[in-house]
């Protein structure tokens, strides 16, 4: 069985049209939620969740990085629609 990989937008639970403020607010909310549930995770699971959220935030919070990410996602989608 294959699993669908989440986009950075899905990880942060924001739409592709989200503002920087919405991205920041979602990041803050997710980090607070994860940190408050830290004891529910194994240490390596917790660290992985934090790293994934930080990676998504870092990509989407910098306008140039976000534009490059969006362009790559568009190219990827176009390639897979042709198949």
C-alpha atoms as a PDB file:
ATOM      1  CA  UNK A   1       0.000   0.000   0.000  1.00  0.00           C
ATOM      2  CA  UNK A   2       1.316   3.441  -0.872  1.00  0.00           C
ATOM      3  CA  UNK A   3       0.846   6.393   1.399  1.00  0.00           C
ATOM      4  CA  UNK A   4       0.194   9.874   0.096  1.00  0.00           C
ATOM      5  CA  UNK A   5       2.887  12.298   1.095  1.00  0.00           C
ATOM      6  CA  UNK A   6       1.616  15.530   2.571  1.00  0.00           C
ATOM      7  CA  UNK A   7       2.468  18.893   1.111  1.00  0.00           C
ATOM      8  CA  UNK A   8       3.937  21.572   3.329  1.00  0.00           C
ATOM      9  CA  UNK A   9       0.537  23.301   3.156  1.00  0.00           C
ATOM     10  CA  UNK A  10      -1.175  20.155   4.443  1.00  0.00           C
ATOM     11  CA  UNK A  11       1.390  19.760   7.227  1.00  0.00           C
ATOM     12  CA  UNK A  12       0.670  23.286   8.445  1.00  0.00           C
ATOM     13  CA  UNK A  13      -3.086  22.920   7.759  1.00  0.00           C
ATOM     14  CA  UNK A  14      -3.252  26.046   5.596  1.00  0.00           C
ATOM     15  CA  UNK A  15      -4.386  26.625   2.037  1.00  0.00           C
ATOM     16  CA  UNK A  16      -1.930  27.443  -0.765  1.00  0.00           C
ATOM     17  CA  UNK A  17      -3.353  30.976  -0.716  1.00  0.00           C
ATOM     18  CA  UNK A  18      -2.624  31.459   2.996  1.00  0.00           C
ATOM     19  CA  UNK A  19      -1.094  34.722   4.125  1.00  0.00           C
ATOM     20  CA  UNK A  20       2.188  34.902   6.025  1.00  0.00           C
ATOM     21  CA  UNK A  21       0.184  35.706   9.144  1.00  0.00           C
ATOM     22  CA  UNK A  22      -1.958  32.580   8.685  1.00  0.00           C
ATOM     23  CA  UNK A  23       1.139  30.438   8.172  1.00  0.00           C
ATOM     24  CA  UNK A  24       2.733  31.891  11.318  1.00  0.00           C
ATOM     25  CA  UNK A  25      -0.436  31.382  13.361  1.00  0.00           C
ATOM     26  CA  UNK A  26      -0.804  27.781  12.207  1.00  0.00           C
ATOM     27  CA  UNK A  27       2.860  27.054  12.960  1.00  0.00           C
ATOM     28  CA  UNK A  28       2.544  28.539  16.447  1.00  0.00           C
ATOM     29  CA  UNK A  29      -0.626  26.553  17.109  1.00  0.00           C
ATOM     30  CA  UNK A  30       0.863  23.267  15.890  1.00  0.00           C
ATOM     31  CA  UNK A  31       4.052  23.723  17.888  1.00  0.00           C
ATOM     32  CA  UNK A  32       2.073  24.509  21.041  1.00  0.00           C
ATOM     33  CA  UNK A  33      -0.129  21.443  20.507  1.00  0.00           C
ATOM     34  CA  UNK A  34       2.817  19.115  19.850  1.00  0.00           C
ATOM     35  CA  UNK A  35       4.777  20.445  22.818  1.00  0.00           C
ATOM     36  CA  UNK A  36       1.795  20.024  25.139  1.00  0.00           C
ATOM     37  CA  UNK A  37       1.474  16.383  24.012  1.00  0.00           C
ATOM     38  CA  UNK A  38       5.189  15.593  24.182  1.00  0.00           C
ATOM     39  CA  UNK A  39       4.753  12.791  26.717  1.00  0.00           C
ATOM     40  CA  UNK A  40       2.433  10.927  24.316  1.00  0.00           C
ATOM     41  CA  UNK A  41       5.246  10.364  21.797  1.00  0.00           C
ATOM     42  CA  UNK A  42       8.438   8.381  21.812  1.00  0.00           C
ATOM     43  CA  UNK A  43      11.396  10.813  21.857  1.00  0.00           C
ATOM     44  CA  UNK A  44      12.360  10.103  18.245  1.00  0.00           C
ATOM     45  CA  UNK A  45       8.731  10.474  17.071  1.00  0.00           C
ATOM     46  CA  UNK A  46       8.446  13.799  18.862  1.00  0.00           C
ATOM     47  CA  UNK A  47      11.669  15.113  17.327  1.00  0.00           C
ATOM     48  CA  UNK A  48      10.574  13.994  13.843  1.00  0.00           C
ATOM     49  CA  UNK A  49       7.205  15.755  14.172  1.00  0.00           C
ATOM     50  CA  UNK A  50       8.945  18.955  15.288  1.00  0.00           C
ATOM     51  CA  UNK A  51      11.435  18.771  12.393  1.00  0.00           C
ATOM     52  CA  UNK A  52       8.685  18.212   9.819  1.00  0.00           C
ATOM     53  CA  UNK A  53       6.637  21.164  11.084  1.00  0.00           C
ATOM     54  CA  UNK A  54       9.743  23.374  11.171  1.00  0.00           C
ATOM     55  CA  UNK A  55      10.737  22.308   7.648  1.00  0.00           C
ATOM     56  CA  UNK A  56       7.276  23.181   6.313  1.00  0.00           C
ATOM     57  CA  UNK A  57       7.275  26.516   8.131  1.00  0.00           C
ATOM     58  CA  UNK A  58      10.772  27.427   6.951  1.00  0.00           C
ATOM     59  CA  UNK A  59       9.846  26.709   3.330  1.00  0.00           C
ATOM     60  CA  UNK A  60       6.546  28.585   3.364  1.00  0.00           C
ATOM     61  CA  UNK A  61       7.519  31.534   5.548  1.00  0.00           C
ATOM     62  CA  UNK A  62      10.206  32.815   3.155  1.00  0.00           C
ATOM     63  CA  UNK A  63       8.524  34.268   0.044  1.00  0.00           C
ATOM     64  CA  UNK A  64      11.289  33.215  -2.390  1.00  0.00           C
ATOM     65  CA  UNK A  65      11.372  29.672  -0.995  1.00  0.00           C
ATOM     66  CA  UNK A  66       7.596  29.459  -1.111  1.00  0.00           C
ATOM     67  CA  UNK A  67       7.516  30.625  -4.741  1.00  0.00           C
ATOM     68  CA  UNK A  68      10.106  27.998  -5.703  1.00  0.00           C
ATOM     69  CA  UNK A  69       8.172  25.321  -3.816  1.00  0.00           C
ATOM     70  CA  UNK A  70       4.895  26.316  -5.490  1.00  0.00           C
ATOM     71  CA  UNK A  71       6.546  26.250  -8.923  1.00  0.00           C
ATOM     72  CA  UNK A  72       7.971  22.783  -8.293  1.00  0.00           C
ATOM     73  CA  UNK A  73       4.609  21.516  -7.041  1.00  0.00           C
ATOM     74  CA  UNK A  74       2.966  22.853 -10.213  1.00  0.00           C
ATOM     75  CA  UNK A  75       5.520  21.085 -12.410  1.00  0.00           C
ATOM     76  CA  UNK A  76       5.081  17.866 -10.435  1.00  0.00           C
ATOM     77  CA  UNK A  77       1.281  18.029 -10.734  1.00  0.00           C
ATOM     78  CA  UNK A  78       1.462  18.710 -14.465  1.00  0.00           C
ATOM     79  CA  UNK A  79       3.776  15.730 -15.043  1.00  0.00           C
ATOM     80  CA  UNK A  80       1.495  13.362 -13.133  1.00  0.00           C
ATOM     81  CA  UNK A  81      -1.679  14.588 -14.821  1.00  0.00           C
ATOM     82  CA  UNK A  82      -0.206  13.561 -18.186  1.00  0.00           C
ATOM     83  CA  UNK A  83       0.279   9.945 -17.116  1.00  0.00           C
END
